């Protein structure tokens, strides 16, 4: 993995995020961090049900997800 493979985002606590990390919301919902170039914003949070959401929205004030 090179530095281009690392999102420039940090989790809600400020921890660096890497592809393959698991993030968890305060609700207990978990997702894997993935890169998917088919999206305009390719860094994704992929949930157990298959839903893929932009990572930035998951780790900000609204989503509050942290690396576990």
PDB file of N, CA and C in Angstrom:
ATOM      1  N   UNK A   1       0.850  -1.183   0.000  1.00  0.00           N
ATOM      2  CA  UNK A   1       0.000   0.000   0.000  1.00  0.00           C
ATOM      3  C   UNK A   1       0.891   1.240   0.000  1.00  0.00           C
ATOM      4  N   UNK A   2       0.617   2.171  -0.890  1.00  0.00           N
ATOM      5  CA  UNK A   2       1.343   3.435  -0.870  1.00  0.00           C
ATOM      6  C   UNK A   2       0.441   4.527  -0.305  1.00  0.00           C
ATOM      7  N   UNK A   3       0.968   5.733  -0.168  1.00  0.00           N
ATOM      8  CA  UNK A   3       0.195   6.799   0.471  1.00  0.00           C
ATOM      9  C   UNK A   3      -1.048   7.182  -0.324  1.00  0.00           C
ATOM     10  N   UNK A   4      -1.087   6.880  -1.634  1.00  0.00           N
ATOM     11  CA  UNK A   4      -2.287   7.155  -2.422  1.00  0.00           C
ATOM     12  C   UNK A   4      -3.430   6.223  -2.019  1.00  0.00           C
ATOM     13  N   UNK A   5      -3.113   5.122  -1.334  1.00  0.00           N
ATOM     14  CA  UNK A   5      -4.113   4.151  -0.912  1.00  0.00           C
ATOM     15  C   UNK A   5      -4.726   4.493   0.442  1.00  0.00           C
ATOM     16  N   UNK A   6      -4.295   5.596   1.030  1.00  0.00           N
ATOM     17  CA  UNK A   6      -4.775   5.978   2.351  1.00  0.00           C
ATOM     18  C   UNK A   6      -5.670   7.213   2.211  1.00  0.00           C
ATOM     19  N   UNK A   7      -6.913   7.128   2.710  1.00  0.00           N
ATOM     20  CA  UNK A   7      -7.766   8.313   2.616  1.00  0.00           C
ATOM     21  C   UNK A   7      -7.203   9.446   3.459  1.00  0.00           C
ATOM     22  N   UNK A   8      -7.471  10.662   3.053  1.00  0.00           N
ATOM     23  CA  UNK A   8      -6.978  11.826   3.777  1.00  0.00           C
ATOM     24  C   UNK A   8      -7.935  12.204   4.908  1.00  0.00           C
ATOM     25  N   UNK A   9      -8.815  11.290   5.258  1.00  0.00           N
ATOM     26  CA  UNK A   9      -9.769  11.510   6.339  1.00  0.00           C
ATOM     27  C   UNK A   9      -9.288  10.833   7.612  1.00  0.00           C
ATOM     28  N   UNK A  10      -9.772  11.316   8.732  1.00  0.00           N
ATOM     29  CA  UNK A  10      -9.516  10.693  10.029  1.00  0.00           C
ATOM     30  C   UNK A  10     -10.861  10.361  10.653  1.00  0.00           C
ATOM     31  N   UNK A  11     -10.837   9.417  11.583  1.00  0.00           N
ATOM     32  CA  UNK A  11     -12.097   9.069  12.230  1.00  0.00           C
ATOM     33  C   UNK A  11     -12.524  10.189  13.180  1.00  0.00           C
ATOM     34  N   UNK A  12     -13.644  10.008  13.837  1.00  0.00           N
ATOM     35  CA  UNK A  12     -14.203  11.055  14.691  1.00  0.00           C
ATOM     36  C   UNK A  12     -13.275  11.424  15.848  1.00  0.00           C
ATOM     37  N   UNK A  13     -12.395  10.498  16.266  1.00  0.00           N
ATOM     38  CA  UNK A  13     -11.424  10.772  17.337  1.00  0.00           C
ATOM     39  C   UNK A  13     -10.130  11.366  16.809  1.00  0.00           C
ATOM     40  N   UNK A  14      -9.977  11.418  15.469  1.00  0.00           N
ATOM     41  CA  UNK A  14      -8.753  11.962  14.880  1.00  0.00           C
ATOM     42  C   UNK A  14      -7.733  10.911  14.496  1.00  0.00           C
ATOM     43  N   UNK A  15      -8.104   9.635  14.553  1.00  0.00           N
ATOM     44  CA  UNK A  15      -7.202   8.530  14.211  1.00  0.00           C
ATOM     45  C   UNK A  15      -7.146   8.356  12.693  1.00  0.00           C
ATOM     46  N   UNK A  16      -5.949   8.098  12.152  1.00  0.00           N
ATOM     47  CA  UNK A  16      -5.798   7.853  10.717  1.00  0.00           C
ATOM     48  C   UNK A  16      -6.587   6.608  10.308  1.00  0.00           C
ATOM     49  N   UNK A  17      -7.173   6.660   9.124  1.00  0.00           N
ATOM     50  CA  UNK A  17      -7.967   5.556   8.588  1.00  0.00           C
ATOM     51  C   UNK A  17      -7.211   4.935   7.424  1.00  0.00           C
ATOM     52  N   UNK A  18      -7.243   3.597   7.342  1.00  0.00           N
ATOM     53  CA  UNK A  18      -6.620   2.877   6.226  1.00  0.00           C
ATOM     54  C   UNK A  18      -7.663   1.984   5.567  1.00  0.00           C
ATOM     55  N   UNK A  19      -7.429   1.665   4.304  1.00  0.00           N
ATOM     56  CA  UNK A  19      -8.302   0.726   3.610  1.00  0.00           C
ATOM     57  C   UNK A  19      -8.305  -0.596   4.371  1.00  0.00           C
ATOM     58  N   UNK A  20      -9.480  -1.156   4.562  1.00  0.00           N
ATOM     59  CA  UNK A  20      -9.628  -2.409   5.275  1.00  0.00           C
ATOM     60  C   UNK A  20      -9.966  -2.243   6.749  1.00  0.00           C
ATOM     61  N   UNK A  21      -9.806  -1.020   7.281  1.00  0.00           N
ATOM     62  CA  UNK A  21     -10.183  -0.768   8.671  1.00  0.00           C
ATOM     63  C   UNK A  21     -11.680  -0.976   8.856  1.00  0.00           C
ATOM     64  N   UNK A  22     -12.066  -1.286  10.076  1.00  0.00           N
ATOM     65  CA  UNK A  22     -13.468  -1.336  10.447  1.00  0.00           C
ATOM     66  C   UNK A  22     -13.764  -0.087  11.255  1.00  0.00           C
ATOM     67  N   UNK A  23     -14.864   0.590  10.905  1.00  0.00           N
ATOM     68  CA  UNK A  23     -15.316   1.740  11.677  1.00  0.00           C
ATOM     69  C   UNK A  23     -16.634   1.380  12.345  1.00  0.00           C
ATOM     70  N   UNK A  24     -16.894   2.045  13.462  1.00  0.00           N
ATOM     71  CA  UNK A  24     -18.132   1.772  14.196  1.00  0.00           C
ATOM     72  C   UNK A  24     -18.754   3.089  14.643  1.00  0.00           C
ATOM     73  N   UNK A  25     -20.075   3.178  14.468  1.00  0.00           N
ATOM     74  CA  UNK A  25     -20.841   4.336  14.920  1.00  0.00           C
ATOM     75  C   UNK A  25     -21.238   4.147  16.383  1.00  0.00           C
ATOM     76  N   UNK A  26     -21.620   5.227  17.058  1.00  0.00           N
ATOM     77  CA  UNK A  26     -22.098   5.102  18.440  1.00  0.00           C
ATOM     78  C   UNK A  26     -23.301   4.151  18.559  1.00  0.00           C
ATOM     79  N   UNK A  27     -24.049   3.961  17.483  1.00  0.00           N
ATOM     80  CA  UNK A  27     -25.200   3.052  17.485  1.00  0.00           C
ATOM     81  C   UNK A  27     -24.789   1.584  17.462  1.00  0.00           C
ATOM     82  N   UNK A  28     -23.496   1.328  17.163  1.00  0.00           N
ATOM     83  CA  UNK A  28     -23.003  -0.040  17.062  1.00  0.00           C
ATOM     84  C   UNK A  28     -22.868  -0.527  15.633  1.00  0.00           C
ATOM     85  N   UNK A  29     -23.434   0.211  14.660  1.00  0.00           N
ATOM     86  CA  UNK A  29     -23.310  -0.180  13.253  1.00  0.00           C
ATOM     87  C   UNK A  29     -21.848  -0.131  12.832  1.00  0.00           C
ATOM     88  N   UNK A  30     -21.412  -1.166  12.097  1.00  0.00           N
ATOM     89  CA  UNK A  30     -20.021  -1.252  11.651  1.00  0.00           C
ATOM     90  C   UNK A  30     -19.943  -1.292  10.135  1.00  0.00           C
ATOM     91  N   UNK A  31     -18.806  -0.818   9.607  1.00  0.00           N
ATOM     92  CA  UNK A  31     -18.546  -0.843   8.169  1.00  0.00           C
ATOM     93  C   UNK A  31     -17.054  -1.039   7.938  1.00  0.00           C
ATOM     94  N   UNK A  32     -16.712  -1.570   6.777  1.00  0.00           N
ATOM     95  CA  UNK A  32     -15.317  -1.700   6.340  1.00  0.00           C
ATOM     96  C   UNK A  32     -14.989  -0.504   5.455  1.00  0.00           C
ATOM     97  N   UNK A  33     -13.780   0.005   5.588  1.00  0.00           N
ATOM     98  CA  UNK A  33     -13.300   1.094   4.743  1.00  0.00           C
ATOM     99  C   UNK A  33     -12.788   0.489   3.439  1.00  0.00           C
ATOM    100  N   UNK A  34     -13.287   1.015   2.320  1.00  0.00           N
ATOM    101  CA  UNK A  34     -12.905   0.478   1.011  1.00  0.00           C
ATOM    102  C   UNK A  34     -12.727   1.608   0.012  1.00  0.00           C
ATOM    103  N   UNK A  35     -11.929   1.336  -1.015  1.00  0.00           N
ATOM    104  CA  UNK A  35     -11.731   2.271  -2.128  1.00  0.00           C
ATOM    105  C   UNK A  35     -12.446   1.700  -3.335  1.00  0.00           C
ATOM    106  N   UNK A  36     -13.343   2.495  -3.919  1.00  0.00           N
ATOM    107  CA  UNK A  36     -14.102   2.062  -5.096  1.00  0.00           C
ATOM    108  C   UNK A  36     -14.067   3.178  -6.123  1.00  0.00           C
ATOM    109  N   UNK A  37     -13.231   3.040  -7.136  1.00  0.00           N
ATOM    110  CA  UNK A  37     -13.012   4.098  -8.133  1.00  0.00           C
ATOM    111  C   UNK A  37     -14.235   4.370  -9.006  1.00  0.00           C
ATOM    112  N   UNK A  38     -15.284   3.580  -8.888  1.00  0.00           N
ATOM    113  CA  UNK A  38     -16.486   3.822  -9.691  1.00  0.00           C
ATOM    114  C   UNK A  38     -17.320   4.980  -9.131  1.00  0.00           C
ATOM    115  N   UNK A  39     -16.952   5.482  -7.959  1.00  0.00           N
ATOM    116  CA  UNK A  39     -17.648   6.604  -7.346  1.00  0.00           C
ATOM    117  C   UNK A  39     -16.820   7.875  -7.493  1.00  0.00           C
ATOM    118  N   UNK A  40     -17.500   9.021  -7.563  1.00  0.00           N
ATOM    119  CA  UNK A  40     -16.803  10.307  -7.612  1.00  0.00           C
ATOM    120  C   UNK A  40     -15.959  10.501  -6.346  1.00  0.00           C
ATOM    121  N   UNK A  41     -16.526  10.148  -5.198  1.00  0.00           N
ATOM    122  CA  UNK A  41     -15.802  10.139  -3.922  1.00  0.00           C
ATOM    123  C   UNK A  41     -15.515   8.677  -3.607  1.00  0.00           C
ATOM    124  N   UNK A  42     -14.328   8.174  -3.983  1.00  0.00           N
ATOM    125  CA  UNK A  42     -14.083   6.724  -3.962  1.00  0.00           C
ATOM    126  C   UNK A  42     -13.894   6.083  -2.590  1.00  0.00           C
ATOM    127  N   UNK A  43     -13.602   6.862  -1.546  1.00  0.00           N
ATOM    128  CA  UNK A  43     -13.434   6.249  -0.226  1.00  0.00           C
ATOM    129  C   UNK A  43     -14.800   5.988   0.371  1.00  0.00           C
ATOM    130  N   UNK A  44     -15.084   4.709   0.641  1.00  0.00           N
ATOM    131  CA  UNK A  44     -16.416   4.266   1.026  1.00  0.00           C
ATOM    132  C   UNK A  44     -16.411   3.564   2.378  1.00  0.00           C
ATOM    133  N   UNK A  45     -17.561   3.594   3.027  1.00  0.00           N
ATOM    134  CA  UNK A  45     -17.842   2.767   4.197  1.00  0.00           C
ATOM    135  C   UNK A  45     -18.851   1.734   3.723  1.00  0.00           C
ATOM    136  N   UNK A  46     -18.451   0.475   3.715  1.00  0.00           N
ATOM    137  CA  UNK A  46     -19.312  -0.598   3.212  1.00  0.00           C
ATOM    138  C   UNK A  46     -19.856  -1.373   4.414  1.00  0.00           C
ATOM    139  N   UNK A  47     -21.180  -1.310   4.559  1.00  0.00           N
ATOM    140  CA  UNK A  47     -21.844  -1.914   5.713  1.00  0.00           C
ATOM    141  C   UNK A  47     -22.168  -3.376   5.458  1.00  0.00           C
ATOM    142  N   UNK A  48     -22.493  -4.087   6.533  1.00  0.00           N
ATOM    143  CA  UNK A  48     -22.748  -5.526   6.449  1.00  0.00           C
ATOM    144  C   UNK A  48     -23.876  -5.869   5.485  1.00  0.00           C
ATOM    145  N   UNK A  49     -24.828  -4.943   5.289  1.00  0.00           N
ATOM    146  CA  UNK A  49     -25.937  -5.186   4.362  1.00  0.00           C
ATOM    147  C   UNK A  49     -25.568  -4.845   2.921  1.00  0.00           C
ATOM    148  N   UNK A  50     -24.302  -4.434   2.692  1.00  0.00           N
ATOM    149  CA  UNK A  50     -23.827  -4.123   1.352  1.00  0.00           C
ATOM    150  C   UNK A  50     -23.925  -2.658   0.968  1.00  0.00           C
ATOM    151  N   UNK A  51     -24.577  -1.857   1.792  1.00  0.00           N
ATOM    152  CA  UNK A  51     -24.702  -0.429   1.487  1.00  0.00           C
ATOM    153  C   UNK A  51     -23.327   0.217   1.509  1.00  0.00           C
ATOM    154  N   UNK A  52     -23.046   1.041   0.502  1.00  0.00           N
ATOM    155  CA  UNK A  52     -21.763   1.719   0.367  1.00  0.00           C
ATOM    156  C   UNK A  52     -22.005   3.230   0.421  1.00  0.00           C
ATOM    157  N   UNK A  53     -21.466   3.878   1.455  1.00  0.00           N
ATOM    158  CA  UNK A  53     -21.659   5.319   1.647  1.00  0.00           C
ATOM    159  C   UNK A  53     -20.313   6.024   1.682  1.00  0.00           C
ATOM    160  N   UNK A  54     -20.314   7.311   1.298  1.00  0.00           N
ATOM    161  CA  UNK A  54     -19.076   8.081   1.303  1.00  0.00           C
ATOM    162  C   UNK A  54     -18.512   8.123   2.715  1.00  0.00           C
ATOM    163  N   UNK A  55     -17.246   7.774   2.860  1.00  0.00           N
ATOM    164  CA  UNK A  55     -16.580   7.680   4.147  1.00  0.00           C
ATOM    165  C   UNK A  55     -16.626   8.999   4.919  1.00  0.00           C
ATOM    166  N   UNK A  56     -16.459  10.109   4.236  1.00  0.00           N
ATOM    167  CA  UNK A  56     -16.427  11.413   4.907  1.00  0.00           C
ATOM    168  C   UNK A  56     -17.659  11.686   5.748  1.00  0.00           C
ATOM    169  N   UNK A  57     -18.821  11.298   5.248  1.00  0.00           N
ATOM    170  CA  UNK A  57     -20.051  11.519   6.002  1.00  0.00           C
ATOM    171  C   UNK A  57     -20.167  10.599   7.208  1.00  0.00           C
ATOM    172  N   UNK A  58     -19.449   9.516   7.215  1.00  0.00           N
ATOM    173  CA  UNK A  58     -19.555   8.550   8.302  1.00  0.00           C
ATOM    174  C   UNK A  58     -18.673   8.907   9.499  1.00  0.00           C
ATOM    175  N   UNK A  59     -17.608   9.648   9.261  1.00  0.00           N
ATOM    176  CA  UNK A  59     -16.653   9.957  10.328  1.00  0.00           C
ATOM    177  C   UNK A  59     -16.719  11.414  10.784  1.00  0.00           C
ATOM    178  N   UNK A  60     -17.667  12.173  10.252  1.00  0.00           N
ATOM    179  CA  UNK A  60     -17.786  13.580  10.645  1.00  0.00           C
ATOM    180  C   UNK A  60     -18.691  13.717  11.865  1.00  0.00           C
ATOM    181  N   UNK A  61     -19.079  14.932  12.188  1.00  0.00           N
ATOM    182  CA  UNK A  61     -19.918  15.208  13.356  1.00  0.00           C
ATOM    183  C   UNK A  61     -21.237  14.425  13.307  1.00  0.00           C
ATOM    184  N   UNK A  62     -21.787  14.257  12.119  1.00  0.00           N
ATOM    185  CA  UNK A  62     -23.070  13.561  11.997  1.00  0.00           C
ATOM    186  C   UNK A  62     -22.918  12.052  12.242  1.00  0.00           C
ATOM    187  N   UNK A  63     -21.955  11.414  11.594  1.00  0.00           N
ATOM    188  CA  UNK A  63     -21.804   9.962  11.699  1.00  0.00           C
ATOM    189  C   UNK A  63     -21.047   9.486  12.915  1.00  0.00           C
ATOM    190  N   UNK A  64     -20.032  10.255  13.319  1.00  0.00           N
ATOM    191  CA  UNK A  64     -19.232  10.008  14.513  1.00  0.00           C
ATOM    192  C   UNK A  64     -18.605   8.605  14.592  1.00  0.00           C
ATOM    193  N   UNK A  65     -18.309   8.007  13.443  1.00  0.00           N
ATOM    194  CA  UNK A  65     -17.711   6.661  13.451  1.00  0.00           C
ATOM    195  C   UNK A  65     -16.226   6.740  13.804  1.00  0.00           C
ATOM    196  N   UNK A  66     -15.760   5.684  14.481  1.00  0.00           N
ATOM    197  CA  UNK A  66     -14.359   5.582  14.876  1.00  0.00           C
ATOM    198  C   UNK A  66     -13.802   4.225  14.458  1.00  0.00           C
ATOM    199  N   UNK A  67     -12.489   4.169  14.255  1.00  0.00           N
ATOM    200  CA  UNK A  67     -11.819   2.913  13.924  1.00  0.00           C
ATOM    201  C   UNK A  67     -11.849   2.010  15.152  1.00  0.00           C
ATOM    202  N   UNK A  68     -12.213   0.750  14.931  1.00  0.00           N
ATOM    203  CA  UNK A  68     -12.226  -0.227  16.034  1.00  0.00           C
ATOM    204  C   UNK A  68     -11.273  -1.365  15.729  1.00  0.00           C
TER     205      UNK A  68
END
